[in-house]
C-alpha atoms as a PDB file:
ATOM      1  CA  UNK A   1      16.907  59.431 -19.820  1.00  0.00           C
ATOM      2  CA  UNK A   2      17.491  62.068 -17.131  1.00  0.00           C
ATOM      3  CA  UNK A   3      15.471  65.233 -17.268  1.00  0.00           C
ATOM      4  CA  UNK A   4      16.941  68.498 -18.533  1.00  0.00           C
ATOM      5  CA  UNK A   5      17.624  71.173 -15.927  1.00  0.00           C
ATOM      6  CA  UNK A   6      16.705  74.672 -17.066  1.00  0.00           C
ATOM      7  CA  UNK A   7      17.549  77.954 -15.359  1.00  0.00           C
ATOM      8  CA  UNK A   8      14.903  80.539 -16.244  1.00  0.00           C
ATOM      9  CA  UNK A   9      15.911  84.120 -15.352  1.00  0.00           C
ATOM     10  CA  UNK A  10      12.806  86.288 -15.820  1.00  0.00           C
ATOM     11  CA  UNK A  11      11.494  89.175 -13.709  1.00  0.00           C
ATOM     12  CA  UNK A  12       7.937  89.381 -15.079  1.00  0.00           C
ATOM     13  CA  UNK A  13       5.873  87.069 -12.830  1.00  0.00           C
ATOM     14  CA  UNK A  14       3.214  86.221 -15.438  1.00  0.00           C
ATOM     15  CA  UNK A  15       5.762  85.489 -18.148  1.00  0.00           C
ATOM     16  CA  UNK A  16       7.917  83.476 -15.747  1.00  0.00           C
ATOM     17  CA  UNK A  17       4.962  81.409 -14.553  1.00  0.00           C
ATOM     18  CA  UNK A  18       3.765  80.752 -18.099  1.00  0.00           C
ATOM     19  CA  UNK A  19       7.185  79.654 -19.404  1.00  0.00           C
ATOM     20  CA  UNK A  20       7.924  77.584 -16.295  1.00  0.00           C
ATOM     21  CA  UNK A  21       4.583  75.768 -16.516  1.00  0.00           C
ATOM     22  CA  UNK A  22       5.033  75.068 -20.215  1.00  0.00           C
ATOM     23  CA  UNK A  23       8.565  73.741 -19.735  1.00  0.00           C
ATOM     24  CA  UNK A  24       7.503  71.483 -16.893  1.00  0.00           C
ATOM     25  CA  UNK A  25       4.656  70.134 -19.014  1.00  0.00           C
ATOM     26  CA  UNK A  26       7.337  69.212 -21.569  1.00  0.00           C
ATOM     27  CA  UNK A  27       9.285  67.271 -18.932  1.00  0.00           C
ATOM     28  CA  UNK A  28      11.944  69.852 -18.034  1.00  0.00           C
ATOM     29  CA  UNK A  29      13.063  70.662 -14.495  1.00  0.00           C
ATOM     30  CA  UNK A  30      12.953  74.441 -14.044  1.00  0.00           C
ATOM     31  CA  UNK A  31      14.691  76.692 -11.531  1.00  0.00           C
ATOM     32  CA  UNK A  32      13.323  80.237 -11.568  1.00  0.00           C
ATOM     33  CA  UNK A  33      15.286  83.399 -10.774  1.00  0.00           C
ATOM     34  CA  UNK A  34      13.315  86.665 -10.454  1.00  0.00           C
ATOM     35  CA  UNK A  35      16.217  89.064 -11.087  1.00  0.00           C
ATOM     36  CA  UNK A  36      19.740  89.253 -12.465  1.00  0.00           C
ATOM     37  CA  UNK A  37      21.532  88.985  -9.138  1.00  0.00           C
ATOM     38  CA  UNK A  38      19.753  85.793  -8.110  1.00  0.00           C
ATOM     39  CA  UNK A  39      20.053  84.406 -11.640  1.00  0.00           C
ATOM     40  CA  UNK A  40      23.787  84.936 -11.757  1.00  0.00           C
ATOM     41  CA  UNK A  41      24.242  83.400  -8.301  1.00  0.00           C
ATOM     42  CA  UNK A  42      22.227  80.308  -9.222  1.00  0.00           C
ATOM     43  CA  UNK A  43      24.001  79.888 -12.566  1.00  0.00           C
ATOM     44  CA  UNK A  44      27.428  80.030 -10.962  1.00  0.00           C
ATOM     45  CA  UNK A  45      26.504  77.858  -7.973  1.00  0.00           C
ATOM     46  CA  UNK A  46      24.585  74.987  -9.580  1.00  0.00           C
ATOM     47  CA  UNK A  47      24.636  72.748 -12.626  1.00  0.00           C
ATOM     48  CA  UNK A  48      22.148  73.451 -15.403  1.00  0.00           C
ATOM     49  CA  UNK A  49      21.839  72.114 -18.926  1.00  0.00           C
ATOM     50  CA  UNK A  50      20.576  75.353 -20.462  1.00  0.00           C
ATOM     51  CA  UNK A  51      19.792  78.939 -19.447  1.00  0.00           C
ATOM     52  CA  UNK A  52      16.867  81.076 -20.637  1.00  0.00           C
ATOM     53  CA  UNK A  53      17.742  84.665 -19.867  1.00  0.00           C
ATOM     54  CA  UNK A  54      15.823  87.941 -20.070  1.00  0.00           C
ATOM     55  CA  UNK A  55      17.856  91.107 -20.677  1.00  0.00           C
ATOM     56  CA  UNK A  56      15.915  93.827 -18.905  1.00  0.00           C
ATOM     57  CA  UNK A  57      16.415  92.587 -15.330  1.00  0.00           C
ATOM     58  CA  UNK A  58      16.558  94.269 -11.911  1.00  0.00           C
ATOM     59  CA  UNK A  59      19.880  94.634 -10.028  1.00  0.00           C
ATOM     60  CA  UNK A  60      22.105  93.029 -12.667  1.00  0.00           C
ATOM     61  CA  UNK A  61      21.411  93.327 -16.392  1.00  0.00           C
ATOM     62  CA  UNK A  62      20.960  90.282 -18.569  1.00  0.00           C
ATOM     63  CA  UNK A  63      24.064  91.238 -20.552  1.00  0.00           C
ATOM     64  CA  UNK A  64      26.198  91.153 -17.386  1.00  0.00           C
ATOM     65  CA  UNK A  65      24.642  87.860 -16.297  1.00  0.00           C
ATOM     66  CA  UNK A  66      25.361  86.361 -19.723  1.00  0.00           C
ATOM     67  CA  UNK A  67      28.997  87.483 -19.629  1.00  0.00           C
ATOM     68  CA  UNK A  68      29.493  86.029 -16.144  1.00  0.00           C
ATOM     69  CA  UNK A  69      27.969  82.679 -17.089  1.00  0.00           C
ATOM     70  CA  UNK A  70      29.929  82.460 -20.312  1.00  0.00           C
ATOM     71  CA  UNK A  71      33.219  83.225 -18.578  1.00  0.00           C
ATOM     72  CA  UNK A  72      32.616  80.501 -15.992  1.00  0.00           C
ATOM     73  CA  UNK A  73      30.996  77.896 -18.279  1.00  0.00           C
ATOM     74  CA  UNK A  74      32.083  78.311 -21.908  1.00  0.00           C
ATOM     75  CA  UNK A  75      29.859  75.513 -23.248  1.00  0.00           C
ATOM     76  CA  UNK A  76      26.631  76.064 -21.292  1.00  0.00           C
ATOM     77  CA  UNK A  77      23.859  76.938 -23.800  1.00  0.00           C
ATOM     78  CA  UNK A  78      22.319  80.384 -23.246  1.00  0.00           C
ATOM     79  CA  UNK A  79      19.218  81.656 -25.041  1.00  0.00           C
ATOM     80  CA  UNK A  80      18.241  85.292 -24.583  1.00  0.00           C
ATOM     81  CA  UNK A  81      14.446  85.544 -24.334  1.00  0.00           C
ATOM     82  CA  UNK A  82      13.567  89.220 -24.380  1.00  0.00           C
ATOM     83  CA  UNK A  83      11.376  91.999 -25.725  1.00  0.00           C
ATOM     84  CA  UNK A  84      14.498  93.918 -26.770  1.00  0.00           C
ATOM     85  CA  UNK A  85      14.720  93.079 -30.448  1.00  0.00           C
ATOM     86  CA  UNK A  86      16.788  95.703 -32.260  1.00  0.00           C
ATOM     87  CA  UNK A  87      19.816  94.654 -34.302  1.00  0.00           C
ATOM     88  CA  UNK A  88      22.104  96.512 -31.889  1.00  0.00           C
ATOM     89  CA  UNK A  89      20.613  94.696 -28.904  1.00  0.00           C
ATOM     90  CA  UNK A  90      20.997  91.337 -30.633  1.00  0.00           C
ATOM     91  CA  UNK A  91      24.611  92.100 -31.497  1.00  0.00           C
ATOM     92  CA  UNK A  92      25.315  93.069 -27.897  1.00  0.00           C
ATOM     93  CA  UNK A  93      23.649  89.874 -26.697  1.00  0.00           C
ATOM     94  CA  UNK A  94      25.703  87.647 -28.976  1.00  0.00           C
ATOM     95  CA  UNK A  95      28.834  89.577 -28.077  1.00  0.00           C
ATOM     96  CA  UNK A  96      28.079  88.896 -24.398  1.00  0.00           C
ATOM     97  CA  UNK A  97      28.185  85.169 -25.154  1.00  0.00           C
ATOM     98  CA  UNK A  98      24.615  84.152 -25.979  1.00  0.00           C
ATOM     99  CA  UNK A  99      24.105  81.176 -28.284  1.00  0.00           C
ATOM    100  CA  UNK A 100      20.677  82.249 -29.534  1.00  0.00           C
ATOM    101  CA  UNK A 101      18.196  85.117 -29.261  1.00  0.00           C
ATOM    102  CA  UNK A 102      14.408  84.919 -29.367  1.00  0.00           C
ATOM    103  CA  UNK A 103      12.157  87.975 -29.199  1.00  0.00           C
ATOM    104  CA  UNK A 104       8.942  88.166 -27.151  1.00  0.00           C
ATOM    105  CA  UNK A 105       6.206  87.390 -27.875  1.00  0.00           C
ATOM    106  CA  UNK A 106       7.260  83.999 -29.223  1.00  0.00           C
ATOM    107  CA  UNK A 107       5.775  80.625 -30.056  1.00  0.00           C
ATOM    108  CA  UNK A 108       6.633  78.020 -27.391  1.00  0.00           C
ATOM    109  CA  UNK A 109       7.240  75.486 -30.162  1.00  0.00           C
ATOM    110  CA  UNK A 110       9.969  77.647 -31.649  1.00  0.00           C
ATOM    111  CA  UNK A 111      11.612  78.064 -28.247  1.00  0.00           C
ATOM    112  CA  UNK A 112      11.520  74.289 -27.744  1.00  0.00           C
ATOM    113  CA  UNK A 113      13.083  73.707 -31.182  1.00  0.00           C
ATOM    114  CA  UNK A 114      15.910  76.111 -30.433  1.00  0.00           C
ATOM    115  CA  UNK A 115      16.487  74.604 -27.010  1.00  0.00           C
ATOM    116  CA  UNK A 116      16.744  71.104 -28.478  1.00  0.00           C
ATOM    117  CA  UNK A 117      19.249  72.264 -31.089  1.00  0.00           C
ATOM    118  CA  UNK A 118      21.539  73.798 -28.478  1.00  0.00           C
ATOM    119  CA  UNK A 119      21.151  70.879 -26.074  1.00  0.00           C
ATOM    120  CA  UNK A 120      22.043  68.397 -28.795  1.00  0.00           C
ATOM    121  CA  UNK A 121      25.143  70.365 -29.733  1.00  0.00           C
ATOM    122  CA  UNK A 122      26.163  70.745 -26.103  1.00  0.00           C
ATOM    123  CA  UNK A 123      25.827  67.011 -25.489  1.00  0.00           C
ATOM    124  CA  UNK A 124      27.879  66.230 -28.583  1.00  0.00           C
ATOM    125  CA  UNK A 125      30.616  68.598 -27.392  1.00  0.00           C
ATOM    126  CA  UNK A 126      30.675  67.044 -23.924  1.00  0.00           C
ATOM    127  CA  UNK A 127      31.003  63.529 -25.334  1.00  0.00           C
ATOM    128  CA  UNK A 128      34.099  64.306 -27.382  1.00  0.00           C
ATOM    129  CA  UNK A 129      36.993  62.967 -25.353  1.00  0.00           C
ATOM    130  CA  UNK A 130      39.450  62.019 -28.088  1.00  0.00           C
ATOM    131  CA  UNK A 131      42.380  64.338 -28.868  1.00  0.00           C
ATOM    132  CA  UNK A 132      40.934  64.998 -32.320  1.00  0.00           C
ATOM    133  CA  UNK A 133      42.817  66.254 -35.343  1.00  0.00           C
ATOM    134  CA  UNK A 134      44.790  69.412 -36.054  1.00  0.00           C
ATOM    135  CA  UNK A 135      43.602  71.548 -38.963  1.00  0.00           C
ATOM    136  CA  UNK A 136      45.839  74.253 -40.476  1.00  0.00           C
ATOM    137  CA  UNK A 137      45.369  77.114 -42.913  1.00  0.00           C
ATOM    138  CA  UNK A 138      48.391  79.378 -43.317  1.00  0.00           C
ATOM    139  CA  UNK A 139      49.416  80.221 -39.711  1.00  0.00           C
ATOM    140  CA  UNK A 140      45.994  79.313 -38.275  1.00  0.00           C
ATOM    141  CA  UNK A 141      45.803  76.075 -36.275  1.00  0.00           C
ATOM    142  CA  UNK A 142      42.703  74.332 -34.865  1.00  0.00           C
ATOM    143  CA  UNK A 143      42.707  71.300 -32.595  1.00  0.00           C
ATOM    144  CA  UNK A 144      39.264  69.709 -32.983  1.00  0.00           C
ATOM    145  CA  UNK A 145      39.560  67.531 -29.887  1.00  0.00           C
ATOM    146  CA  UNK A 146      40.759  70.103 -27.385  1.00  0.00           C
ATOM    147  CA  UNK A 147      38.809  72.914 -29.114  1.00  0.00           C
ATOM    148  CA  UNK A 148      41.816  75.215 -29.206  1.00  0.00           C
ATOM    149  CA  UNK A 149      42.772  77.793 -31.807  1.00  0.00           C
ATOM    150  CA  UNK A 150      46.098  79.494 -32.429  1.00  0.00           C
ATOM    151  CA  UNK A 151      47.344  81.973 -34.987  1.00  0.00           C
ATOM    152  CA  UNK A 152      51.062  82.581 -35.317  1.00  0.00           C
ATOM    153  CA  UNK A 153      51.290  80.456 -32.180  1.00  0.00           C
ATOM    154  CA  UNK A 154      49.112  82.893 -30.214  1.00  0.00           C
ATOM    155  CA  UNK A 155      46.092  81.257 -28.471  1.00  0.00           C
ATOM    156  CA  UNK A 156      42.710  82.682 -29.512  1.00  0.00           C
ATOM    157  CA  UNK A 157      39.707  82.268 -27.240  1.00  0.00           C
ATOM    158  CA  UNK A 158      36.521  81.282 -29.107  1.00  0.00           C
ATOM    159  CA  UNK A 159      33.051  80.368 -27.911  1.00  0.00           C
ATOM    160  CA  UNK A 160      31.714  76.933 -28.841  1.00  0.00           C
ATOM    161  CA  UNK A 161      29.625  78.427 -31.658  1.00  0.00           C
ATOM    162  CA  UNK A 162      32.510  80.494 -33.014  1.00  0.00           C
ATOM    163  CA  UNK A 163      34.708  77.390 -33.025  1.00  0.00           C
ATOM    164  CA  UNK A 164      32.060  75.375 -34.885  1.00  0.00           C
ATOM    165  CA  UNK A 165      31.768  78.074 -37.536  1.00  0.00           C
ATOM    166  CA  UNK A 166      35.531  78.397 -37.936  1.00  0.00           C
ATOM    167  CA  UNK A 167      35.994  74.631 -38.180  1.00  0.00           C
ATOM    168  CA  UNK A 168      33.268  74.428 -40.825  1.00  0.00           C
ATOM    169  CA  UNK A 169      34.897  77.143 -42.933  1.00  0.00           C
ATOM    170  CA  UNK A 170      38.326  75.513 -42.599  1.00  0.00           C
ATOM    171  CA  UNK A 171      36.968  72.126 -43.685  1.00  0.00           C
ATOM    172  CA  UNK A 172      35.449  73.723 -46.810  1.00  0.00           C
ATOM    173  CA  UNK A 173      39.016  74.068 -48.146  1.00  0.00           C
ATOM    174  CA  UNK A 174      38.450  77.509 -49.611  1.00  0.00           C
ATOM    175  CA  UNK A 175      35.028  76.753 -51.098  1.00  0.00           C
ATOM    176  CA  UNK A 176      32.258  79.290 -50.569  1.00  0.00           C
ATOM    177  CA  UNK A 177      29.660  78.425 -47.911  1.00  0.00           C
ATOM    178  CA  UNK A 178      26.257  80.025 -48.319  1.00  0.00           C
ATOM    179  CA  UNK A 179      24.360  81.522 -45.387  1.00  0.00           C
ATOM    180  CA  UNK A 180      21.878  78.639 -45.544  1.00  0.00           C
ATOM    181  CA  UNK A 181      24.649  76.011 -45.520  1.00  0.00           C
ATOM    182  CA  UNK A 182      26.269  77.654 -42.502  1.00  0.00           C
ATOM    183  CA  UNK A 183      22.986  77.858 -40.594  1.00  0.00           C
ATOM    184  CA  UNK A 184      22.199  74.232 -41.393  1.00  0.00           C
ATOM    185  CA  UNK A 185      25.593  72.951 -40.282  1.00  0.00           C
ATOM    186  CA  UNK A 186      26.575  75.238 -37.411  1.00  0.00           C
ATOM    187  CA  UNK A 187      23.100  75.825 -35.961  1.00  0.00           C
ATOM    188  CA  UNK A 188      21.663  72.477 -37.054  1.00  0.00           C
ATOM    189  CA  UNK A 189      18.470  73.962 -38.519  1.00  0.00           C
ATOM    190  CA  UNK A 190      17.107  73.753 -42.054  1.00  0.00           C
ATOM    191  CA  UNK A 191      14.973  76.878 -41.974  1.00  0.00           C
ATOM    192  CA  UNK A 192      15.648  80.613 -41.993  1.00  0.00           C
ATOM    193  CA  UNK A 193      16.208  81.761 -38.418  1.00  0.00           C
ATOM    194  CA  UNK A 194      14.956  85.233 -39.312  1.00  0.00           C
ATOM    195  CA  UNK A 195      18.070  86.885 -37.878  1.00  0.00           C
ATOM    196  CA  UNK A 196      21.448  87.990 -39.160  1.00  0.00           C
ATOM    197  CA  UNK A 197      23.169  85.560 -36.810  1.00  0.00           C
ATOM    198  CA  UNK A 198      25.581  84.291 -39.498  1.00  0.00           C
ATOM    199  CA  UNK A 199      26.785  87.798 -40.290  1.00  0.00           C
ATOM    200  CA  UNK A 200      27.153  88.505 -36.573  1.00  0.00           C
ATOM    201  CA  UNK A 201      29.336  85.451 -35.995  1.00  0.00           C
ATOM    202  CA  UNK A 202      31.419  86.059 -39.113  1.00  0.00           C
ATOM    203  CA  UNK A 203      32.170  89.507 -37.692  1.00  0.00           C
ATOM    204  CA  UNK A 204      33.081  87.972 -34.328  1.00  0.00           C
ATOM    205  CA  UNK A 205      35.533  85.628 -36.048  1.00  0.00           C
ATOM    206  CA  UNK A 206      37.046  88.409 -38.134  1.00  0.00           C
ATOM    207  CA  UNK A 207      37.746  90.425 -34.987  1.00  0.00           C
ATOM    208  CA  UNK A 208      39.478  87.487 -33.333  1.00  0.00           C
ATOM    209  CA  UNK A 209      41.097  85.716 -36.282  1.00  0.00           C
ATOM    210  CA  UNK A 210      41.932  88.481 -38.759  1.00  0.00           C
ATOM    211  CA  UNK A 211      41.948  91.897 -37.087  1.00  0.00           C
ATOM    212  CA  UNK A 212      45.514  91.712 -35.756  1.00  0.00           C
ATOM    213  CA  UNK A 213      46.972  89.318 -38.310  1.00  0.00           C
ATOM    214  CA  UNK A 214      48.033  89.121 -41.936  1.00  0.00           C
ATOM    215  CA  UNK A 215      47.079  87.732 -44.349  1.00  0.00           C
ATOM    216  CA  UNK A 216      43.321  88.022 -43.855  1.00  0.00           C
ATOM    217  CA  UNK A 217      41.722  84.587 -43.996  1.00  0.00           C
ATOM    218  CA  UNK A 218      37.943  85.140 -43.859  1.00  0.00           C
ATOM    219  CA  UNK A 219      36.447  86.499 -47.075  1.00  0.00           C
ATOM    220  CA  UNK A 220      33.025  87.392 -48.461  1.00  0.00           C
ATOM    221  CA  UNK A 221      31.768  86.373 -51.900  1.00  0.00           C
ATOM    222  CA  UNK A 222      29.144  89.059 -52.493  1.00  0.00           C
ATOM    223  CA  UNK A 223      25.651  87.606 -52.728  1.00  0.00           C
ATOM    224  CA  UNK A 224      26.957  84.049 -52.315  1.00  0.00           C
ATOM    225  CA  UNK A 225      28.491  83.510 -48.901  1.00  0.00           C
ATOM    226  CA  UNK A 226      31.813  83.225 -47.061  1.00  0.00           C
ATOM    227  CA  UNK A 227      35.050  81.318 -47.439  1.00  0.00           C
ATOM    228  CA  UNK A 228      38.324  80.920 -45.561  1.00  0.00           C
ATOM    229  CA  UNK A 229      41.537  80.966 -47.522  1.00  0.00           C
ATOM    230  CA  UNK A 230      45.006  82.527 -47.437  1.00  0.00           C
ATOM    231  CA  UNK A 231      45.066  84.875 -50.427  1.00  0.00           C
END
């Protein structure tokens, strides 16, 4: 099996050296960028399997780097690894296109677990070559093969994670999905991530799927979870 190529964008030399050494000991190939400008250039000029990205970077902020990478490579996994851990900062990070967010200091084992989850999902996405099926709810249409979404015939641009969440809700056929069920299916983990990532992504979907359309399709069952249904 070929080794995984990681782009590590981190400006603190000690942190960068520690993470790079640990990754290489776990059989990853690591390219290191010391600031946002170099990190963005490397990400857009080379092929990587996953990006580990700090936010507080010289020259170009991590948020800007994340947006640039996501625009150019919609399915490249990006994990924000940063000391900035407020809810607002996490929301901004996810809104910029990050797939996951881990706050320093962290346990290397947790970082490895999250990397493997995203890499597995990315590989599964890349291997899907068949046209897939078309799922419909009211005027919402999903093509599971081409990963496209339309509402009232208008194309809607979703990230890979947003698409996975929307597809899961559609396939529930109006049944409520708990936070734990969503995390287990969409993020492929069976433990509490310790973040409000589900709520964040539900809000992302509502902005894209429901904000400018009627009827509203994404609903909350207080204390129980979320469901998608034309009411």
